[in-house]
């Protein structure tokens, strides 16, 4: 089992916020991205952050967007569509979407709409 699986989402979340805000994006946009991927609304996301939910449990309870097959590209030198472990792929999808948001991609394109 990879170490990230047992890492709390709350411990990584501030890094996501810092990354997008440093590039002129907002926390609200980050939340839209997370909601698009996981189905968690603001209150549900906050509950997971407050509870210290691990990435494994966070994605196990998520209602993944049916458009996740449209998330392609490279993150950390690995093509997200080629990742075999389903949980690792879901974590990397989130990383990829956050990265695209931080790089200034239009929100509609990040959300594959």
N, C-alpha and C. Protein backbone atom coordinates (compact mmCIF):
# COMPACT_ATOMS: atom_id res chain seq x y z
N UNK A 1 0.84 -1.18 0.00
CA UNK A 1 0.00 0.00 0.00
C UNK A 1 0.89 1.25 0.00
N UNK A 2 0.56 2.16 -0.86
CA UNK A 2 1.33 3.40 -0.98
C UNK A 2 1.01 4.32 0.20
N UNK A 3 1.99 5.06 0.64
CA UNK A 3 1.84 5.94 1.80
C UNK A 3 0.74 6.98 1.62
N UNK A 4 0.54 7.47 0.41
CA UNK A 4 -0.48 8.50 0.17
C UNK A 4 -1.88 7.99 0.48
N UNK A 5 -2.12 6.68 0.36
CA UNK A 5 -3.45 6.13 0.60
C UNK A 5 -3.91 6.38 2.04
N UNK A 6 -2.97 6.32 2.98
CA UNK A 6 -3.31 6.51 4.39
C UNK A 6 -3.06 7.94 4.87
N UNK A 7 -2.70 8.82 3.96
CA UNK A 7 -2.50 10.23 4.28
C UNK A 7 -3.86 10.92 4.33
N UNK A 8 -4.03 11.83 5.27
CA UNK A 8 -5.32 12.54 5.35
C UNK A 8 -5.41 13.58 4.24
N UNK A 9 -6.60 13.71 3.70
CA UNK A 9 -6.84 14.72 2.68
C UNK A 9 -6.59 16.10 3.28
N UNK A 10 -6.93 16.27 4.55
CA UNK A 10 -6.75 17.55 5.23
C UNK A 10 -5.29 17.99 5.28
N UNK A 11 -4.36 17.03 5.27
CA UNK A 11 -2.94 17.40 5.32
C UNK A 11 -2.43 17.88 3.95
N UNK A 12 -3.10 17.49 2.89
CA UNK A 12 -2.69 17.88 1.53
C UNK A 12 -3.51 19.07 1.03
N UNK A 13 -4.72 19.19 1.51
CA UNK A 13 -5.64 20.25 1.08
C UNK A 13 -5.01 21.66 1.14
N UNK A 14 -4.33 22.04 2.22
CA UNK A 14 -3.72 23.38 2.25
C UNK A 14 -2.69 23.59 1.12
N UNK A 15 -2.04 22.52 0.71
CA UNK A 15 -1.08 22.62 -0.39
C UNK A 15 -1.81 22.91 -1.71
N UNK A 16 -2.97 22.27 -1.89
CA UNK A 16 -3.79 22.55 -3.07
C UNK A 16 -4.24 24.01 -3.08
N UNK A 17 -4.71 24.48 -1.92
CA UNK A 17 -5.18 25.87 -1.81
C UNK A 17 -4.04 26.83 -2.12
N UNK A 18 -2.89 26.61 -1.52
CA UNK A 18 -1.73 27.48 -1.75
C UNK A 18 -1.35 27.49 -3.22
N UNK A 19 -1.34 26.32 -3.84
CA UNK A 19 -0.95 26.21 -5.24
C UNK A 19 -1.87 27.02 -6.15
N UNK A 20 -3.18 26.87 -5.96
CA UNK A 20 -4.09 27.59 -6.86
C UNK A 20 -4.15 29.08 -6.54
N UNK A 21 -4.10 29.45 -5.26
CA UNK A 21 -4.17 30.86 -4.91
C UNK A 21 -2.91 31.61 -5.34
N UNK A 22 -1.77 30.94 -5.27
CA UNK A 22 -0.52 31.56 -5.70
C UNK A 22 -0.57 31.92 -7.18
N UNK A 23 -1.38 31.18 -7.93
CA UNK A 23 -1.50 31.40 -9.37
C UNK A 23 -2.73 32.23 -9.73
N UNK A 24 -3.35 32.86 -8.69
CA UNK A 24 -4.45 33.76 -8.96
C UNK A 24 -5.82 33.11 -9.06
N UNK A 25 -5.92 31.85 -8.70
CA UNK A 25 -7.21 31.17 -8.69
C UNK A 25 -7.77 31.20 -7.28
N UNK A 26 -9.01 30.79 -7.11
CA UNK A 26 -9.66 30.91 -5.80
C UNK A 26 -9.93 29.55 -5.17
N UNK A 27 -10.15 29.59 -3.87
CA UNK A 27 -10.53 28.40 -3.12
C UNK A 27 -11.88 27.88 -3.64
N UNK A 28 -12.77 28.80 -4.01
CA UNK A 28 -14.08 28.41 -4.55
C UNK A 28 -13.91 27.61 -5.84
N UNK A 29 -12.98 28.02 -6.69
CA UNK A 29 -12.72 27.27 -7.92
C UNK A 29 -12.16 25.89 -7.60
N UNK A 30 -11.28 25.84 -6.62
CA UNK A 30 -10.74 24.54 -6.19
C UNK A 30 -11.87 23.64 -5.71
N UNK A 31 -12.78 24.19 -4.95
CA UNK A 31 -13.91 23.40 -4.45
C UNK A 31 -14.80 22.92 -5.59
N UNK A 32 -14.96 23.74 -6.62
CA UNK A 32 -15.73 23.30 -7.80
C UNK A 32 -15.06 22.10 -8.45
N UNK A 33 -13.75 22.13 -8.55
CA UNK A 33 -13.00 21.03 -9.15
C UNK A 33 -13.17 19.76 -8.31
N UNK A 34 -13.02 19.90 -7.00
CA UNK A 34 -13.16 18.74 -6.11
C UNK A 34 -14.58 18.20 -6.18
N UNK A 35 -15.57 19.10 -6.20
CA UNK A 35 -16.97 18.64 -6.29
C UNK A 35 -17.23 17.94 -7.62
N UNK A 36 -16.70 18.47 -8.71
CA UNK A 36 -16.89 17.83 -10.02
C UNK A 36 -16.34 16.41 -10.00
N UNK A 37 -15.16 16.22 -9.42
CA UNK A 37 -14.53 14.91 -9.41
C UNK A 37 -15.21 13.95 -8.44
N UNK A 38 -15.49 14.41 -7.23
CA UNK A 38 -15.92 13.50 -6.16
C UNK A 38 -17.41 13.50 -5.85
N UNK A 39 -18.09 14.58 -6.24
CA UNK A 39 -19.50 14.72 -5.88
C UNK A 39 -19.71 15.34 -4.52
N UNK A 40 -18.64 15.65 -3.78
CA UNK A 40 -18.77 16.25 -2.45
C UNK A 40 -19.09 17.73 -2.56
N UNK A 41 -20.18 18.15 -1.90
CA UNK A 41 -20.48 19.57 -1.85
C UNK A 41 -19.60 20.21 -0.76
N UNK A 42 -19.77 21.49 -0.56
CA UNK A 42 -18.94 22.24 0.39
C UNK A 42 -18.98 21.63 1.79
N UNK A 43 -20.17 21.32 2.29
CA UNK A 43 -20.32 20.77 3.64
C UNK A 43 -19.70 19.38 3.76
N UNK A 44 -19.89 18.56 2.74
CA UNK A 44 -19.32 17.21 2.77
C UNK A 44 -17.79 17.26 2.72
N UNK A 45 -17.26 18.13 1.88
CA UNK A 45 -15.80 18.28 1.81
C UNK A 45 -15.26 18.73 3.16
N UNK A 46 -15.91 19.73 3.76
CA UNK A 46 -15.45 20.23 5.06
C UNK A 46 -15.52 19.14 6.12
N UNK A 47 -16.55 18.31 6.08
CA UNK A 47 -16.67 17.21 7.04
C UNK A 47 -15.51 16.24 6.90
N UNK A 48 -15.11 15.94 5.66
CA UNK A 48 -13.96 15.05 5.44
C UNK A 48 -12.66 15.69 5.93
N UNK A 49 -12.52 16.99 5.69
CA UNK A 49 -11.32 17.69 6.16
C UNK A 49 -11.28 17.71 7.68
N UNK A 50 -12.40 17.99 8.32
CA UNK A 50 -12.46 18.04 9.78
C UNK A 50 -12.21 16.67 10.41
N UNK A 51 -12.67 15.62 9.74
CA UNK A 51 -12.54 14.26 10.28
C UNK A 51 -11.16 13.66 10.03
N UNK A 52 -10.36 14.30 9.19
CA UNK A 52 -9.04 13.75 8.89
C UNK A 52 -9.12 12.50 8.01
N UNK A 53 -10.12 12.44 7.16
CA UNK A 53 -10.35 11.30 6.28
C UNK A 53 -9.12 11.02 5.42
N UNK A 54 -8.75 9.75 5.31
CA UNK A 54 -7.63 9.36 4.45
C UNK A 54 -8.06 9.42 2.99
N UNK A 55 -7.09 9.50 2.10
CA UNK A 55 -7.41 9.47 0.67
C UNK A 55 -8.16 8.20 0.31
N UNK A 56 -7.80 7.09 0.93
CA UNK A 56 -8.48 5.82 0.64
C UNK A 56 -9.96 5.92 0.97
N UNK A 57 -10.30 6.42 2.14
CA UNK A 57 -11.69 6.53 2.55
C UNK A 57 -12.41 7.66 1.80
N UNK A 58 -11.69 8.73 1.51
CA UNK A 58 -12.24 9.87 0.78
C UNK A 58 -12.76 9.43 -0.59
N UNK A 59 -11.94 8.68 -1.31
CA UNK A 59 -12.37 8.24 -2.64
C UNK A 59 -13.31 7.04 -2.58
N UNK A 60 -13.23 6.24 -1.53
CA UNK A 60 -14.15 5.10 -1.40
C UNK A 60 -15.59 5.59 -1.25
N UNK A 61 -15.78 6.73 -0.59
CA UNK A 61 -17.11 7.27 -0.36
C UNK A 61 -17.56 8.23 -1.47
N UNK A 62 -16.67 8.57 -2.38
CA UNK A 62 -16.98 9.55 -3.42
C UNK A 62 -17.91 8.98 -4.49
N UNK A 63 -18.67 9.87 -5.11
CA UNK A 63 -19.48 9.53 -6.28
C UNK A 63 -18.76 10.13 -7.47
N UNK A 64 -17.82 9.37 -8.03
CA UNK A 64 -16.96 9.90 -9.08
C UNK A 64 -17.75 10.34 -10.31
N UNK A 65 -17.33 11.44 -10.88
CA UNK A 65 -17.95 11.97 -12.08
C UNK A 65 -17.77 10.98 -13.23
N UNK A 66 -18.81 10.74 -14.02
CA UNK A 66 -18.67 9.82 -15.15
C UNK A 66 -17.70 10.33 -16.22
N UNK A 67 -17.34 11.60 -16.16
CA UNK A 67 -16.42 12.16 -17.14
C UNK A 67 -14.95 11.98 -16.81
N UNK A 68 -14.65 11.17 -15.80
CA UNK A 68 -13.25 11.01 -15.40
C UNK A 68 -12.39 10.40 -16.51
N UNK A 69 -13.00 9.66 -17.43
CA UNK A 69 -12.21 9.09 -18.52
C UNK A 69 -11.66 10.17 -19.45
N UNK A 70 -12.16 11.40 -19.31
CA UNK A 70 -11.67 12.52 -20.11
C UNK A 70 -10.43 13.17 -19.50
N UNK A 71 -10.06 12.75 -18.28
CA UNK A 71 -8.86 13.30 -17.63
C UNK A 71 -7.66 12.53 -18.17
N UNK A 72 -6.86 13.21 -18.94
CA UNK A 72 -5.66 12.59 -19.52
C UNK A 72 -4.48 13.52 -19.33
N UNK A 73 -3.31 12.99 -19.56
CA UNK A 73 -2.11 13.80 -19.47
C UNK A 73 -1.13 13.24 -18.46
N UNK A 74 -0.11 14.02 -18.20
CA UNK A 74 0.99 13.58 -17.35
C UNK A 74 0.99 14.37 -16.05
N UNK A 75 1.14 13.64 -14.96
CA UNK A 75 1.34 14.25 -13.65
C UNK A 75 2.45 13.47 -12.96
N UNK A 76 3.43 14.17 -12.44
CA UNK A 76 4.59 13.54 -11.80
C UNK A 76 5.28 12.55 -12.76
N UNK A 77 5.27 12.88 -14.04
CA UNK A 77 5.96 12.06 -15.03
C UNK A 77 5.24 10.79 -15.44
N UNK A 78 3.99 10.64 -15.01
CA UNK A 78 3.23 9.43 -15.31
C UNK A 78 1.92 9.82 -15.98
N UNK A 79 1.56 9.12 -17.05
CA UNK A 79 0.28 9.36 -17.72
C UNK A 79 -0.84 8.85 -16.83
N UNK A 80 -1.78 9.74 -16.48
CA UNK A 80 -2.84 9.37 -15.54
C UNK A 80 -3.74 8.26 -16.10
N UNK A 81 -3.90 8.24 -17.40
CA UNK A 81 -4.77 7.21 -17.99
C UNK A 81 -4.13 5.83 -17.98
N UNK A 82 -2.82 5.74 -17.72
CA UNK A 82 -2.11 4.46 -17.70
C UNK A 82 -1.91 3.88 -16.30
N UNK A 83 -2.33 4.60 -15.27
CA UNK A 83 -2.15 4.14 -13.89
C UNK A 83 -3.10 2.97 -13.64
N UNK A 84 -2.55 1.86 -13.20
CA UNK A 84 -3.34 0.64 -13.04
C UNK A 84 -4.09 0.57 -11.71
N UNK A 85 -3.51 1.07 -10.63
CA UNK A 85 -4.18 1.02 -9.33
C UNK A 85 -5.31 2.06 -9.33
N UNK A 86 -6.56 1.63 -9.15
CA UNK A 86 -7.69 2.56 -9.22
C UNK A 86 -7.60 3.72 -8.23
N UNK A 87 -7.19 3.46 -6.99
CA UNK A 87 -7.10 4.53 -6.00
C UNK A 87 -6.00 5.52 -6.37
N UNK A 88 -4.85 5.02 -6.79
CA UNK A 88 -3.76 5.91 -7.19
C UNK A 88 -4.21 6.76 -8.38
N UNK A 89 -4.94 6.14 -9.31
CA UNK A 89 -5.43 6.90 -10.47
C UNK A 89 -6.37 8.01 -10.03
N UNK A 90 -7.25 7.74 -9.07
CA UNK A 90 -8.17 8.76 -8.59
C UNK A 90 -7.43 9.91 -7.92
N UNK A 91 -6.42 9.59 -7.13
CA UNK A 91 -5.62 10.63 -6.48
C UNK A 91 -4.90 11.46 -7.53
N UNK A 92 -4.36 10.82 -8.54
CA UNK A 92 -3.65 11.54 -9.61
C UNK A 92 -4.61 12.35 -10.47
N UNK A 93 -5.86 11.89 -10.62
CA UNK A 93 -6.86 12.71 -11.32
C UNK A 93 -7.04 14.02 -10.58
N UNK A 94 -7.16 13.94 -9.26
CA UNK A 94 -7.31 15.16 -8.46
C UNK A 94 -6.09 16.05 -8.63
N UNK A 95 -4.90 15.46 -8.54
CA UNK A 95 -3.67 16.23 -8.73
C UNK A 95 -3.66 16.92 -10.10
N UNK A 96 -4.06 16.19 -11.12
CA UNK A 96 -4.05 16.72 -12.48
C UNK A 96 -5.02 17.89 -12.61
N UNK A 97 -6.22 17.75 -12.06
CA UNK A 97 -7.20 18.83 -12.14
C UNK A 97 -6.73 20.07 -11.38
N UNK A 98 -6.16 19.87 -10.21
CA UNK A 98 -5.64 21.00 -9.43
C UNK A 98 -4.50 21.67 -10.20
N UNK A 99 -3.64 20.88 -10.81
CA UNK A 99 -2.54 21.41 -11.59
C UNK A 99 -3.05 22.24 -12.77
N UNK A 100 -4.05 21.72 -13.48
CA UNK A 100 -4.61 22.45 -14.62
C UNK A 100 -5.23 23.78 -14.16
N UNK A 101 -5.94 23.75 -13.04
CA UNK A 101 -6.52 24.97 -12.50
C UNK A 101 -5.43 25.98 -12.18
N UNK A 102 -4.38 25.53 -11.51
CA UNK A 102 -3.28 26.41 -11.12
C UNK A 102 -2.54 26.97 -12.34
N UNK A 103 -2.52 26.22 -13.41
CA UNK A 103 -1.82 26.69 -14.62
C UNK A 103 -2.65 27.67 -15.44
N UNK A 104 -3.84 27.98 -14.98
CA UNK A 104 -4.63 29.00 -15.64
C UNK A 104 -5.60 28.49 -16.69
N UNK A 105 -5.76 27.19 -16.78
CA UNK A 105 -6.71 26.63 -17.73
C UNK A 105 -8.12 27.09 -17.34
N UNK A 106 -8.94 27.39 -18.33
CA UNK A 106 -10.30 27.82 -18.06
C UNK A 106 -11.04 26.74 -17.26
N UNK A 107 -11.83 27.19 -16.29
CA UNK A 107 -12.53 26.27 -15.41
C UNK A 107 -13.41 25.29 -16.20
N UNK A 108 -14.04 25.77 -17.25
CA UNK A 108 -14.89 24.90 -18.07
C UNK A 108 -14.08 23.76 -18.68
N UNK A 109 -12.85 24.04 -19.05
CA UNK A 109 -11.99 23.00 -19.63
C UNK A 109 -11.48 22.06 -18.55
N UNK A 110 -11.16 22.58 -17.38
CA UNK A 110 -10.72 21.74 -16.27
C UNK A 110 -11.83 20.76 -15.91
N UNK A 111 -13.08 21.24 -15.94
CA UNK A 111 -14.22 20.42 -15.59
C UNK A 111 -14.75 19.60 -16.76
N UNK A 112 -14.03 19.63 -17.85
CA UNK A 112 -14.36 18.83 -19.03
C UNK A 112 -15.78 19.08 -19.51
N UNK A 113 -16.22 20.38 -19.46
CA UNK A 113 -17.59 20.65 -19.94
C UNK A 113 -17.59 21.28 -21.30
